[in-house]
Amino acid sequence: MSSNTDVTISGGLDWLKWLITAALLALGVYGNWYYQDESLLMRVLGLIGIAAIAVGVALQTARGAAIWTLLKEARGEIRRVVWPTREETLQTTVIVLVLVLVFALILWLLDSVLSWFVSAVIG
């Protein structure tokens, strides 16, 4: 029963955390506009800092934690992928290019024949 209460309390405070996240992002946009005469480097560093704080607050929510878990699992899946070797990639690319050329020639030939036929019919 206490885990149910924890979810309710967390869910009840999530809206506040999302509000803080939105306010931080709005503050970053406004600050970038307000300090437009300052150095671009300083504004970018400020925006990165505010964005990092906003992401940190967002990750404290239930949905933010779920997104973080999803990203970690996706990274693990990408590590398990067997990527093709350079030779396999080169062979596949050559095959695709040859097939594109063959189909282009077939379409050109078909277009020429149909054009000749229409010209012969029309006169």
PDB file of N, CA and C in Angstrom:
ATOM      1  N   MET A   1       0.822  -1.184   0.000  1.00  0.00           N
ATOM      2  CA  MET A   1       0.000   0.000   0.000  1.00  0.00           C
ATOM      3  C   MET A   1       0.863   1.244   0.000  1.00  0.00           C
ATOM      4  N   SER A   2       2.054   1.175   0.624  1.00  0.00           N
ATOM      5  CA  SER A   2       2.917   2.351   0.665  1.00  0.00           C
ATOM      6  C   SER A   2       3.471   2.670  -0.725  1.00  0.00           C
ATOM      7  N   SER A   3       3.714   1.635  -1.567  1.00  0.00           N
ATOM      8  CA  SER A   3       4.215   1.900  -2.920  1.00  0.00           C
ATOM      9  C   SER A   3       3.154   2.635  -3.740  1.00  0.00           C
ATOM     10  N   ASN A   4       1.895   2.319  -3.494  1.00  0.00           N
ATOM     11  CA  ASN A   4       0.797   3.027  -4.157  1.00  0.00           C
ATOM     12  C   ASN A   4       0.787   4.496  -3.743  1.00  0.00           C
ATOM     13  N   THR A   5       1.015   4.747  -2.470  1.00  0.00           N
ATOM     14  CA  THR A   5       1.040   6.113  -1.954  1.00  0.00           C
ATOM     15  C   THR A   5       2.224   6.875  -2.529  1.00  0.00           C
ATOM     16  N   ASP A   6       3.380   6.198  -2.675  1.00  0.00           N
ATOM     17  CA  ASP A   6       4.550   6.845  -3.247  1.00  0.00           C
ATOM     18  C   ASP A   6       4.295   7.278  -4.686  1.00  0.00           C
ATOM     19  N   VAL A   7       3.605   6.428  -5.443  1.00  0.00           N
ATOM     20  CA  VAL A   7       3.291   6.772  -6.825  1.00  0.00           C
ATOM     21  C   VAL A   7       2.361   7.973  -6.863  1.00  0.00           C
ATOM     22  N   THR A   8       1.377   8.010  -5.964  1.00  0.00           N
ATOM     23  CA  THR A   8       0.435   9.120  -5.935  1.00  0.00           C
ATOM     24  C   THR A   8       1.142  10.412  -5.550  1.00  0.00           C
ATOM     25  N   ILE A   9       2.023  10.352  -4.559  1.00  0.00           N
ATOM     26  CA  ILE A   9       2.743  11.544  -4.135  1.00  0.00           C
ATOM     27  C   ILE A   9       3.670  12.013  -5.252  1.00  0.00           C
ATOM     28  N   SER A  10       4.384  11.061  -5.873  1.00  0.00           N
ATOM     29  CA  SER A  10       5.274  11.411  -6.968  1.00  0.00           C
ATOM     30  C   SER A  10       4.483  12.001  -8.120  1.00  0.00           C
ATOM     31  N   GLY A  11       3.352  11.372  -8.450  1.00  0.00           N
ATOM     32  CA  GLY A  11       2.512  11.876  -9.522  1.00  0.00           C
ATOM     33  C   GLY A  11       1.933  13.232  -9.184  1.00  0.00           C
ATOM     34  N   GLY A  12       1.670  13.468  -7.903  1.00  0.00           N
ATOM     35  CA  GLY A  12       1.124  14.749  -7.497  1.00  0.00           C
ATOM     36  C   GLY A  12       2.134  15.871  -7.606  1.00  0.00           C
ATOM     37  N   LEU A  13       3.415  15.552  -7.417  1.00  0.00           N
ATOM     38  CA  LEU A  13       4.454  16.577  -7.513  1.00  0.00           C
ATOM     39  C   LEU A  13       5.049  16.686  -8.906  1.00  0.00           C
ATOM     40  N   ASP A  14       4.739  15.725  -9.777  1.00  0.00           N
ATOM     41  CA  ASP A  14       5.288  15.762 -11.126  1.00  0.00           C
ATOM     42  C   ASP A  14       4.874  17.017 -11.878  1.00  0.00           C
ATOM     43  N   TRP A  15       3.644  17.437 -11.708  1.00  0.00           N
ATOM     44  CA  TRP A  15       3.187  18.633 -12.417  1.00  0.00           C
ATOM     45  C   TRP A  15       4.020  19.850 -12.018  1.00  0.00           C
ATOM     46  N   LEU A  16       4.414  19.902 -10.744  1.00  0.00           N
ATOM     47  CA  LEU A  16       5.232  21.018 -10.274  1.00  0.00           C
ATOM     48  C   LEU A  16       6.632  20.955 -10.904  1.00  0.00           C
ATOM     49  N   LYS A  17       7.177  19.760 -10.991  1.00  0.00           N
ATOM     50  CA  LYS A  17       8.497  19.596 -11.600  1.00  0.00           C
ATOM     51  C   LYS A  17       8.460  19.960 -13.077  1.00  0.00           C
ATOM     52  N   TRP A  18       7.391  19.570 -13.765  1.00  0.00           N
ATOM     53  CA  TRP A  18       7.270  19.932 -15.180  1.00  0.00           C
ATOM     54  C   TRP A  18       7.079  21.440 -15.338  1.00  0.00           C
ATOM     55  N   LEU A  19       6.384  22.035 -14.403  1.00  0.00           N
ATOM     56  CA  LEU A  19       6.206  23.487 -14.427  1.00  0.00           C
ATOM     57  C   LEU A  19       7.552  24.191 -14.229  1.00  0.00           C
ATOM     58  N   ILE A  20       8.352  23.686 -13.309  1.00  0.00           N
ATOM     59  CA  ILE A  20       9.686  24.245 -13.082  1.00  0.00           C
ATOM     60  C   ILE A  20      10.550  24.065 -14.338  1.00  0.00           C
ATOM     61  N   THR A  21      10.442  22.899 -14.979  1.00  0.00           N
ATOM     62  CA  THR A  21      11.198  22.645 -16.207  1.00  0.00           C
ATOM     63  C   THR A  21      10.805  23.635 -17.295  1.00  0.00           C
ATOM     64  N   ALA A  22       9.509  23.828 -17.480  1.00  0.00           N
ATOM     65  CA  ALA A  22       9.039  24.777 -18.496  1.00  0.00           C
ATOM     66  C   ALA A  22       9.474  26.196 -18.162  1.00  0.00           C
ATOM     67  N   ALA A  23       9.415  26.554 -16.867  1.00  0.00           N
ATOM     68  CA  ALA A  23       9.829  27.894 -16.454  1.00  0.00           C
ATOM     69  C   ALA A  23      11.324  28.100 -16.707  1.00  0.00           C
ATOM     70  N   LEU A  24      12.134  27.081 -16.446  1.00  0.00           N
ATOM     71  CA  LEU A  24      13.574  27.191 -16.713  1.00  0.00           C
ATOM     72  C   LEU A  24      13.847  27.375 -18.201  1.00  0.00           C
ATOM     73  N   LEU A  25      13.146  26.623 -19.022  1.00  0.00           N
ATOM     74  CA  LEU A  25      13.348  26.759 -20.461  1.00  0.00           C
ATOM     75  C   LEU A  25      12.883  28.123 -20.952  1.00  0.00           C
ATOM     76  N   ALA A  26      11.759  28.607 -20.428  1.00  0.00           N
ATOM     77  CA  ALA A  26      11.288  29.947 -20.793  1.00  0.00           C
ATOM     78  C   ALA A  26      12.281  31.002 -20.326  1.00  0.00           C
ATOM     79  N   LEU A  27      12.840  30.805 -19.144  1.00  0.00           N
ATOM     80  CA  LEU A  27      13.857  31.724 -18.628  1.00  0.00           C
ATOM     81  C   LEU A  27      15.088  31.736 -19.538  1.00  0.00           C
ATOM     82  N   GLY A  28      15.472  30.592 -20.039  1.00  0.00           N
ATOM     83  CA  GLY A  28      16.607  30.514 -20.959  1.00  0.00           C
ATOM     84  C   GLY A  28      16.333  31.267 -22.253  1.00  0.00           C
ATOM     85  N   VAL A  29      15.137  31.103 -22.802  1.00  0.00           N
ATOM     86  CA  VAL A  29      14.788  31.817 -24.031  1.00  0.00           C
ATOM     87  C   VAL A  29      14.755  33.320 -23.779  1.00  0.00           C
ATOM     88  N   TYR A  30      14.115  33.720 -22.690  1.00  0.00           N
ATOM     89  CA  TYR A  30      14.029  35.145 -22.371  1.00  0.00           C
ATOM     90  C   TYR A  30      15.421  35.728 -22.095  1.00  0.00           C
ATOM     91  N   GLY A  31      16.234  34.996 -21.345  1.00  0.00           N
ATOM     92  CA  GLY A  31      17.583  35.459 -21.036  1.00  0.00           C
ATOM     93  C   GLY A  31      18.433  35.598 -22.288  1.00  0.00           C
ATOM     94  N   ASN A  32      18.273  34.657 -23.235  1.00  0.00           N
ATOM     95  CA  ASN A  32      19.004  34.745 -24.496  1.00  0.00           C
ATOM     96  C   ASN A  32      18.593  35.997 -25.265  1.00  0.00           C
ATOM     97  N   TRP A  33      17.316  36.314 -25.248  1.00  0.00           N
ATOM     98  CA  TRP A  33      16.840  37.522 -25.921  1.00  0.00           C
ATOM     99  C   TRP A  33      17.302  38.785 -25.184  1.00  0.00           C
ATOM    100  N   TYR A  34      17.179  38.770 -23.859  1.00  0.00           N
ATOM    101  CA  TYR A  34      17.500  39.950 -23.056  1.00  0.00           C
ATOM    102  C   TYR A  34      18.981  40.310 -23.157  1.00  0.00           C
ATOM    103  N   TYR A  35      19.828  39.298 -23.174  1.00  0.00           N
ATOM    104  CA  TYR A  35      21.273  39.518 -23.222  1.00  0.00           C
ATOM    105  C   TYR A  35      21.809  39.356 -24.646  1.00  0.00           C
ATOM    106  N   GLN A  36      21.042  39.736 -25.646  1.00  0.00           N
ATOM    107  CA  GLN A  36      21.457  39.542 -27.033  1.00  0.00           C
ATOM    108  C   GLN A  36      22.695  40.345 -27.410  1.00  0.00           C
ATOM    109  N   ASP A  37      23.012  41.383 -26.640  1.00  0.00           N
ATOM    110  CA  ASP A  37      24.207  42.179 -26.938  1.00  0.00           C
ATOM    111  C   ASP A  37      25.472  41.568 -26.323  1.00  0.00           C
ATOM    112  N   GLU A  38      25.305  40.577 -25.486  1.00  0.00           N
ATOM    113  CA  GLU A  38      26.461  39.924 -24.855  1.00  0.00           C
ATOM    114  C   GLU A  38      27.108  38.945 -25.829  1.00  0.00           C
ATOM    115  N   SER A  39      28.232  38.407 -25.431  1.00  0.00           N
ATOM    116  CA  SER A  39      28.972  37.449 -26.248  1.00  0.00           C
ATOM    117  C   SER A  39      28.129  36.202 -26.518  1.00  0.00           C
ATOM    118  N   LEU A  40      28.200  35.722 -27.752  1.00  0.00           N
ATOM    119  CA  LEU A  40      27.456  34.526 -28.124  1.00  0.00           C
ATOM    120  C   LEU A  40      27.905  33.324 -27.289  1.00  0.00           C
ATOM    121  N   LEU A  41      29.183  33.223 -27.031  1.00  0.00           N
ATOM    122  CA  LEU A  41      29.710  32.120 -26.232  1.00  0.00           C
ATOM    123  C   LEU A  41      29.080  32.106 -24.843  1.00  0.00           C
ATOM    124  N   MET A  42      28.989  33.270 -24.217  1.00  0.00           N
ATOM    125  CA  MET A  42      28.409  33.335 -22.866  1.00  0.00           C
ATOM    126  C   MET A  42      26.924  32.957 -22.892  1.00  0.00           C
ATOM    127  N   ARG A  43      26.216  33.401 -23.931  1.00  0.00           N
ATOM    128  CA  ARG A  43      24.785  33.063 -24.024  1.00  0.00           C
ATOM    129  C   ARG A  43      24.592  31.569 -24.251  1.00  0.00           C
ATOM    130  N   VAL A  44      25.424  30.985 -25.098  1.00  0.00           N
ATOM    131  CA  VAL A  44      25.317  29.544 -25.357  1.00  0.00           C
ATOM    132  C   VAL A  44      25.635  28.751 -24.102  1.00  0.00           C
ATOM    133  N   LEU A  45      26.682  29.138 -23.391  1.00  0.00           N
ATOM    134  CA  LEU A  45      27.022  28.442 -22.143  1.00  0.00           C
ATOM    135  C   LEU A  45      25.898  28.569 -21.121  1.00  0.00           C
ATOM    136  N   GLY A  46      25.293  29.756 -21.044  1.00  0.00           N
ATOM    137  CA  GLY A  46      24.156  29.946 -20.144  1.00  0.00           C
ATOM    138  C   GLY A  46      22.975  29.069 -20.528  1.00  0.00           C
ATOM    139  N   LEU A  47      22.694  29.003 -21.837  1.00  0.00           N
ATOM    140  CA  LEU A  47      21.582  28.160 -22.295  1.00  0.00           C
ATOM    141  C   LEU A  47      21.849  26.687 -22.022  1.00  0.00           C
ATOM    142  N   ILE A  48      23.081  26.255 -22.234  1.00  0.00           N
ATOM    143  CA  ILE A  48      23.420  24.852 -21.959  1.00  0.00           C
ATOM    144  C   ILE A  48      23.268  24.555 -20.475  1.00  0.00           C
ATOM    145  N   GLY A  49      23.700  25.483 -19.630  1.00  0.00           N
ATOM    146  CA  GLY A  49      23.559  25.287 -18.181  1.00  0.00           C
ATOM    147  C   GLY A  49      22.102  25.211 -17.756  1.00  0.00           C
ATOM    148  N   ILE A  50      21.292  26.134 -18.263  1.00  0.00           N
ATOM    149  CA  ILE A  50      19.870  26.130 -17.901  1.00  0.00           C
ATOM    150  C   ILE A  50      19.189  24.876 -18.446  1.00  0.00           C
ATOM    151  N   ALA A  51      19.545  24.472 -19.671  1.00  0.00           N
ATOM    152  CA  ALA A  51      18.959  23.262 -20.242  1.00  0.00           C
ATOM    153  C   ALA A  51      19.356  22.030 -19.429  1.00  0.00           C
ATOM    154  N   ALA A  52      20.589  21.986 -18.953  1.00  0.00           N
ATOM    155  CA  ALA A  52      21.030  20.849 -18.137  1.00  0.00           C
ATOM    156  C   ALA A  52      20.255  20.786 -16.826  1.00  0.00           C
ATOM    157  N   ILE A  53      20.025  21.933 -16.224  1.00  0.00           N
ATOM    158  CA  ILE A  53      19.241  21.959 -14.983  1.00  0.00           C
ATOM    159  C   ILE A  53      17.806  21.536 -15.267  1.00  0.00           C
ATOM    160  N   ALA A  54      17.238  22.019 -16.382  1.00  0.00           N
ATOM    161  CA  ALA A  54      15.857  21.655 -16.743  1.00  0.00           C
ATOM    162  C   ALA A  54      15.737  20.153 -16.991  1.00  0.00           C
ATOM    163  N   VAL A  55      16.718  19.571 -17.678  1.00  0.00           N
ATOM    164  CA  VAL A  55      16.698  18.123 -17.918  1.00  0.00           C
ATOM    165  C   VAL A  55      16.835  17.374 -16.596  1.00  0.00           C
ATOM    166  N   GLY A  56      17.696  17.869 -15.714  1.00  0.00           N
ATOM    167  CA  GLY A  56      17.837  17.234 -14.397  1.00  0.00           C
ATOM    168  C   GLY A  56      16.544  17.240 -13.615  1.00  0.00           C
ATOM    169  N   VAL A  57      15.816  18.347 -13.663  1.00  0.00           N
ATOM    170  CA  VAL A  57      14.524  18.415 -12.970  1.00  0.00           C
ATOM    171  C   VAL A  57      13.524  17.483 -13.648  1.00  0.00           C
ATOM    172  N   ALA A  58      13.518  17.465 -14.985  1.00  0.00           N
ATOM    173  CA  ALA A  58      12.571  16.611 -15.710  1.00  0.00           C
ATOM    174  C   ALA A  58      12.831  15.135 -15.435  1.00  0.00           C
ATOM    175  N   LEU A  59      14.095  14.761 -15.253  1.00  0.00           N
ATOM    176  CA  LEU A  59      14.407  13.358 -14.978  1.00  0.00           C
ATOM    177  C   LEU A  59      13.944  12.918 -13.592  1.00  0.00           C
ATOM    178  N   GLN A  60      13.614  13.855 -12.735  1.00  0.00           N
ATOM    179  CA  GLN A  60      13.132  13.517 -11.396  1.00  0.00           C
ATOM    180  C   GLN A  60      11.656  13.125 -11.407  1.00  0.00           C
ATOM    181  N   THR A  61      10.978  13.299 -12.543  1.00  0.00           N
ATOM    182  CA  THR A  61       9.566  12.929 -12.641  1.00  0.00           C
ATOM    183  C   THR A  61       9.451  11.460 -13.026  1.00  0.00           C
ATOM    184  N   ALA A  62       8.252  10.926 -12.897  1.00  0.00           N
ATOM    185  CA  ALA A  62       8.026   9.521 -13.246  1.00  0.00           C
ATOM    186  C   ALA A  62       8.237   9.303 -14.738  1.00  0.00           C
ATOM    187  N   ARG A  63       7.698  10.186 -15.558  1.00  0.00           N
ATOM    188  CA  ARG A  63       7.853  10.044 -17.000  1.00  0.00           C
ATOM    189  C   ARG A  63       9.312  10.256 -17.405  1.00  0.00           C
ATOM    190  N   GLY A  64       9.986  11.193 -16.790  1.00  0.00           N
ATOM    191  CA  GLY A  64      11.396  11.429 -17.086  1.00  0.00           C
ATOM    192  C   GLY A  64      12.249  10.217 -16.750  1.00  0.00           C
ATOM    193  N   ALA A  65      11.959   9.581 -15.626  1.00  0.00           N
ATOM    194  CA  ALA A  65      12.694   8.366 -15.247  1.00  0.00           C
ATOM    195  C   ALA A  65      12.422   7.244 -16.243  1.00  0.00           C
ATOM    196  N   ALA A  66      11.175   7.148 -16.722  1.00  0.00           N
ATOM    197  CA  ALA A  66      10.835   6.122 -17.710  1.00  0.00           C
ATOM    198  C   ALA A  66      11.576   6.374 -19.026  1.00  0.00           C
ATOM    199  N   ILE A  67      11.669   7.635 -19.432  1.00  0.00           N
ATOM    200  CA  ILE A  67      12.395   7.969 -20.662  1.00  0.00           C
ATOM    201  C   ILE A  67      13.876   7.650 -20.504  1.00  0.00           C
ATOM    202  N   TRP A  68      14.446   7.944 -19.350  1.00  0.00           N
ATOM    203  CA  TRP A  68      15.859   7.648 -19.104  1.00  0.00           C
ATOM    204  C   TRP A  68      16.108   6.139 -19.164  1.00  0.00           C
ATOM    205  N   THR A  69      15.199   5.358 -18.583  1.00  0.00           N
ATOM    206  CA  THR A  69      15.320   3.898 -18.626  1.00  0.00           C
ATOM    207  C   THR A  69      15.242   3.404 -20.067  1.00  0.00           C
ATOM    208  N   LEU A  70      14.319   3.969 -20.841  1.00  0.00           N
ATOM    209  CA  LEU A  70      14.192   3.600 -22.249  1.00  0.00           C
ATOM    210  C   LEU A  70      15.475   3.903 -23.012  1.00  0.00           C
ATOM    211  N   LEU A  71      16.077   5.055 -22.770  1.00  0.00           N
ATOM    212  CA  LEU A  71      17.322   5.413 -23.450  1.00  0.00           C
ATOM    213  C   LEU A  71      18.465   4.465 -23.081  1.00  0.00           C
ATOM    214  N   LYS A  72      18.541   4.081 -21.813  1.00  0.00           N
ATOM    215  CA  LYS A  72      19.596   3.146 -21.394  1.00  0.00           C
ATOM    216  C   LYS A  72      19.400   1.784 -22.049  1.00  0.00           C
ATOM    217  N   GLU A  73      18.146   1.321 -22.127  1.00  0.00           N
ATOM    218  CA  GLU A  73      17.871   0.031 -22.760  1.00  0.00           C
ATOM    219  C   GLU A  73      18.148   0.081 -24.257  1.00  0.00           C
ATOM    220  N   ALA A  74      17.818   1.198 -24.901  1.00  0.00           N
ATOM    221  CA  ALA A  74      18.087   1.343 -26.334  1.00  0.00           C
ATOM    222  C   ALA A  74      19.587   1.324 -26.602  1.00  0.00           C
ATOM    223  N   ARG A  75      20.351   1.956 -25.732  1.00  0.00           N
ATOM    224  CA  ARG A  75      21.806   1.956 -25.886  1.00  0.00           C
ATOM    225  C   ARG A  75      22.357   0.536 -25.763  1.00  0.00           C
ATOM    226  N   GLY A  76      21.805  -0.230 -24.835  1.00  0.00           N
ATOM    227  CA  GLY A  76      22.221  -1.623 -24.690  1.00  0.00           C
ATOM    228  C   GLY A  76      21.886  -2.450 -25.918  1.00  0.00           C
ATOM    229  N   GLU A  77      20.727  -2.194 -26.524  1.00  0.00           N
ATOM    230  CA  GLU A  77      20.348  -2.909 -27.736  1.00  0.00           C
ATOM    231  C   GLU A  77      21.267  -2.560 -28.899  1.00  0.00           C
ATOM    232  N   ILE A  78      21.639  -1.293 -29.003  1.00  0.00           N
ATOM    233  CA  ILE A  78      22.527  -0.875 -30.091  1.00  0.00           C
ATOM    234  C   ILE A  78      23.885  -1.545 -29.949  1.00  0.00           C
ATOM    235  N   ARG A  79      24.326  -1.756 -28.724  1.00  0.00           N
ATOM    236  CA  ARG A  79      25.620  -2.421 -28.509  1.00  0.00           C
ATOM    237  C   ARG A  79      25.578  -3.875 -28.948  1.00  0.00           C
ATOM    238  N   ARG A  80      24.395  -4.491 -28.950  1.00  0.00           N
ATOM    239  CA  ARG A  80      24.271  -5.895 -29.333  1.00  0.00           C
ATOM    240  C   ARG A  80      24.111  -6.094 -30.838  1.00  0.00           C
ATOM    241  N   VAL A  81      23.939  -5.020 -31.574  1.00  0.00           N
ATOM    242  CA  VAL A  81      23.758  -5.124 -33.019  1.00  0.00           C
ATOM    243  C   VAL A  81      25.070  -5.556 -33.664  1.00  0.00           C
ATOM    244  N   VAL A  82      24.979  -6.466 -34.623  1.00  0.00           N
ATOM    245  CA  VAL A  82      26.154  -6.892 -35.371  1.00  0.00           C
ATOM    246  C   VAL A  82      26.218  -6.013 -36.619  1.00  0.00           C
ATOM    247  N   TRP A  83      27.173  -5.103 -36.633  1.00  0.00           N
ATOM    248  CA  TRP A  83      27.298  -4.158 -37.738  1.00  0.00           C
ATOM    249  C   TRP A  83      28.071  -4.807 -38.872  1.00  0.00           C
ATOM    250  N   PRO A  84      27.731  -4.460 -40.131  1.00  0.00           N
ATOM    251  CA  PRO A  84      28.455  -5.050 -41.261  1.00  0.00           C
ATOM    252  C   PRO A  84      29.886  -4.527 -41.343  1.00  0.00           C
ATOM    253  N   THR A  85      30.730  -5.357 -41.930  1.00  0.00           N
ATOM    254  CA  THR A  85      32.118  -4.946 -42.107  1.00  0.00           C
ATOM    255  C   THR A  85      32.201  -3.956 -43.268  1.00  0.00           C
ATOM    256  N   ARG A  86      33.355  -3.359 -43.422  1.00  0.00           N
ATOM    257  CA  ARG A  86      33.563  -2.402 -44.518  1.00  0.00           C
ATOM    258  C   ARG A  86      33.372  -3.090 -45.868  1.00  0.00           C
ATOM    259  N   GLU A  87      33.874  -4.300 -45.980  1.00  0.00           N
ATOM    260  CA  GLU A  87      33.757  -5.053 -47.238  1.00  0.00           C
ATOM    261  C   GLU A  87      32.295  -5.354 -47.560  1.00  0.00           C
ATOM    262  N   GLU A  88      31.534  -5.790 -46.573  1.00  0.00           N
ATOM    263  CA  GLU A  88      30.108  -6.067 -46.794  1.00  0.00           C
ATOM    264  C   GLU A  88      29.354  -4.802 -47.197  1.00  0.00           C
ATOM    265  N   THR A  89      29.681  -3.698 -46.554  1.00  0.00           N
ATOM    266  CA  THR A  89      29.027  -2.437 -46.891  1.00  0.00           C
ATOM    267  C   THR A  89      29.356  -2.020 -48.312  1.00  0.00           C
ATOM    268  N   LEU A  90      30.623  -2.164 -48.706  1.00  0.00           N
ATOM    269  CA  LEU A  90      31.036  -1.806 -50.055  1.00  0.00           C
ATOM    270  C   LEU A  90      30.350  -2.693 -51.096  1.00  0.00           C
ATOM    271  N   GLN A  91      30.280  -3.993 -50.844  1.00  0.00           N
ATOM    272  CA  GLN A  91      29.630  -4.907 -51.779  1.00  0.00           C
ATOM    273  C   GLN A  91      28.145  -4.584 -51.931  1.00  0.00           C
ATOM    274  N   THR A  92      27.477  -4.324 -50.830  1.00  0.00           N
ATOM    275  CA  THR A  92      26.056  -3.992 -50.874  1.00  0.00           C
ATOM    276  C   THR A  92      25.836  -2.687 -51.631  1.00  0.00           C
ATOM    277  N   THR A  93      26.680  -1.706 -51.414  1.00  0.00           N
ATOM    278  CA  THR A  93      26.554  -0.427 -52.115  1.00  0.00           C
ATOM    279  C   THR A  93      26.735  -0.605 -53.610  1.00  0.00           C
ATOM    280  N   VAL A  94      27.719  -1.400 -54.014  1.00  0.00           N
ATOM    281  CA  VAL A  94      27.949  -1.649 -55.440  1.00  0.00           C
ATOM    282  C   VAL A  94      26.740  -2.355 -56.050  1.00  0.00           C
ATOM    283  N   ILE A  95      26.186  -3.327 -55.362  1.00  0.00           N
ATOM    284  CA  ILE A  95      25.016  -4.036 -55.871  1.00  0.00           C
ATOM    285  C   ILE A  95      23.848  -3.072 -56.058  1.00  0.00           C
ATOM    286  N   VAL A  96      23.622  -2.202 -55.100  1.00  0.00           N
ATOM    287  CA  VAL A  96      22.529  -1.237 -55.196  1.00  0.00           C
ATOM    288  C   VAL A  96      22.755  -0.298 -56.374  1.00  0.00           C
ATOM    289  N   LEU A  97      23.964   0.204 -56.526  1.00  0.00           N
ATOM    290  CA  LEU A  97      24.255   1.118 -57.641  1.00  0.00           C
ATOM    291  C   LEU A  97      24.079   0.439 -58.995  1.00  0.00           C
ATOM    292  N   VAL A  98      24.524  -0.802 -59.124  1.00  0.00           N
ATOM    293  CA  VAL A  98      24.367  -1.535 -60.383  1.00  0.00           C
ATOM    294  C   VAL A  98      22.886  -1.747 -60.680  1.00  0.00           C
ATOM    295  N   LEU A  99      22.109  -2.127 -59.667  1.00  0.00           N
ATOM    296  CA  LEU A  99      20.676  -2.341 -59.894  1.00  0.00           C
ATOM    297  C   LEU A  99      19.963  -1.041 -60.263  1.00  0.00           C
ATOM    298  N   VAL A 100      20.348   0.057 -59.652  1.00  0.00           N
ATOM    299  CA  VAL A 100      19.758   1.352 -60.010  1.00  0.00           C
ATOM    300  C   VAL A 100      20.079   1.680 -61.453  1.00  0.00           C
ATOM    301  N   LEU A 101      21.303   1.433 -61.889  1.00  0.00           N
ATOM    302  CA  LEU A 101      21.685   1.682 -63.271  1.00  0.00           C
ATOM    303  C   LEU A 101      20.902   0.787 -64.235  1.00  0.00           C
ATOM    304  N   VAL A 102      20.758  -0.482 -63.907  1.00  0.00           N
ATOM    305  CA  VAL A 102      20.007  -1.409 -64.758  1.00  0.00           C
ATOM    306  C   VAL A 102      18.558  -0.961 -64.885  1.00  0.00           C
ATOM    307  N   PHE A 103      17.917  -0.629 -63.780  1.00  0.00           N
ATOM    308  CA  PHE A 103      16.522  -0.200 -63.846  1.00  0.00           C
ATOM    309  C   PHE A 103      16.378   1.137 -64.558  1.00  0.00           C
ATOM    310  N   ALA A 104      17.364   2.016 -64.419  1.00  0.00           N
ATOM    311  CA  ALA A 104      17.321   3.285 -65.148  1.00  0.00           C
ATOM    312  C   ALA A 104      17.393   3.031 -66.650  1.00  0.00           C
ATOM    313  N   LEU A 105      18.253   2.104 -67.078  1.00  0.00           N
ATOM    314  CA  LEU A 105      18.336   1.764 -68.492  1.00  0.00           C
ATOM    315  C   LEU A 105      17.053   1.126 -69.000  1.00  0.00           C
ATOM    316  N   ILE A 106      16.461   0.259 -68.202  1.00  0.00           N
ATOM    317  CA  ILE A 106      15.193  -0.366 -68.591  1.00  0.00           C
ATOM    318  C   ILE A 106      14.110   0.689 -68.742  1.00  0.00           C
ATOM    319  N   LEU A 107      14.014   1.609 -67.807  1.00  0.00           N
ATOM    320  CA  LEU A 107      12.999   2.670 -67.896  1.00  0.00           C
ATOM    321  C   LEU A 107      13.269   3.593 -69.078  1.00  0.00           C
ATOM    322  N   TRP A 108      14.551   3.888 -69.353  1.00  0.00           N
ATOM    323  CA  TRP A 108      14.884   4.715 -70.510  1.00  0.00           C
ATOM    324  C   TRP A 108      14.485   4.021 -71.808  1.00  0.00           C
ATOM    325  N   LEU A 109      14.766   2.733 -71.896  1.00  0.00           N
ATOM    326  CA  LEU A 109      14.399   1.961 -73.077  1.00  0.00           C
ATOM    327  C   LEU A 109      12.882   1.911 -73.246  1.00  0.00           C
ATOM    328  N   LEU A 110      12.170   1.672 -72.164  1.00  0.00           N
ATOM    329  CA  LEU A 110      10.712   1.626 -72.217  1.00  0.00           C
ATOM    330  C   LEU A 110      10.149   2.985 -72.626  1.00  0.00           C
ATOM    331  N   ASP A 111      10.706   4.056 -72.095  1.00  0.00           N
ATOM    332  CA  ASP A 111      10.258   5.399 -72.448  1.00  0.00           C
ATOM    333  C   ASP A 111      10.522   5.691 -73.926  1.00  0.00           C
ATOM    334  N   SER A 112      11.679   5.266 -74.416  1.00  0.00           N
ATOM    335  CA  SER A 112      12.012   5.486 -75.832  1.00  0.00           C
ATOM    336  C   SER A 112      11.059   4.716 -76.746  1.00  0.00           C
ATOM    337  N   VAL A 113      10.784   3.469 -76.415  1.00  0.00           N
ATOM    338  CA  VAL A 113       9.875   2.655 -77.231  1.00  0.00           C
ATOM    339  C   VAL A 113       8.474   3.257 -77.216  1.00  0.00           C
ATOM    340  N   LEU A 114       7.976   3.631 -76.050  1.00  0.00           N
ATOM    341  CA  LEU A 114       6.640   4.227 -75.971  1.00  0.00           C
ATOM    342  C   LEU A 114       6.593   5.563 -76.699  1.00  0.00           C
ATOM    343  N   SER A 115       7.647   6.346 -76.602  1.00  0.00           N
ATOM    344  CA  SER A 115       7.712   7.621 -77.303  1.00  0.00           C
ATOM    345  C   SER A 115       7.692   7.396 -78.819  1.00  0.00           C
ATOM    346  N   TRP A 116       8.457   6.414 -79.280  1.00  0.00           N
ATOM    347  CA  TRP A 116       8.471   6.091 -80.701  1.00  0.00           C
ATOM    348  C   TRP A 116       7.095   5.614 -81.165  1.00  0.00           C
ATOM    349  N   PHE A 117       6.442   4.791 -80.335  1.00  0.00           N
ATOM    350  CA  PHE A 117       5.118   4.268 -80.681  1.00  0.00           C
ATOM    351  C   PHE A 117       4.087   5.388 -80.754  1.00  0.00           C
ATOM    352  N   VAL A 118       4.093   6.294 -79.794  1.00  0.00           N
ATOM    353  CA  VAL A 118       3.143   7.408 -79.785  1.00  0.00           C
ATOM    354  C   VAL A 118       3.402   8.342 -80.966  1.00  0.00           C
ATOM    355  N   SER A 119       4.655   8.575 -81.278  1.00  0.00           N
ATOM    356  CA  SER A 119       4.998   9.406 -82.437  1.00  0.00           C
ATOM    357  C   SER A 119       4.504   8.756 -83.730  1.00  0.00           C
ATOM    358  N   ALA A 120       4.622   7.430 -83.828  1.00  0.00           N
ATOM    359  CA  ALA A 120       4.171   6.728 -85.022  1.00  0.00           C
ATOM    360  C   ALA A 120       2.646   6.775 -85.141  1.00  0.00           C
ATOM    361  N   VAL A 121       1.952   6.681 -84.027  1.00  0.00           N
ATOM    362  CA  VAL A 121       0.481   6.701 -84.062  1.00  0.00           C
ATOM    363  C   VAL A 121      -0.028   8.091 -84.371  1.00  0.00           C
ATOM    364  N   ILE A 122       0.535   9.103 -83.734  1.00  0.00           N
ATOM    365  CA  ILE A 122       0.080  10.480 -83.912  1.00  0.00           C
ATOM    366  C   ILE A 122       0.502  11.001 -85.299  1.00  0.00           C
ATOM    367  N   GLY A 123       1.632  10.607 -85.722  1.00  0.00           N
ATOM    368  CA  GLY A 123       2.020  10.980 -87.069  1.00  0.00           C
ATOM    369  C   GLY A 123       3.087  11.940 -87.109  1.00  0.00           C
TER     370      GLY A 123
END
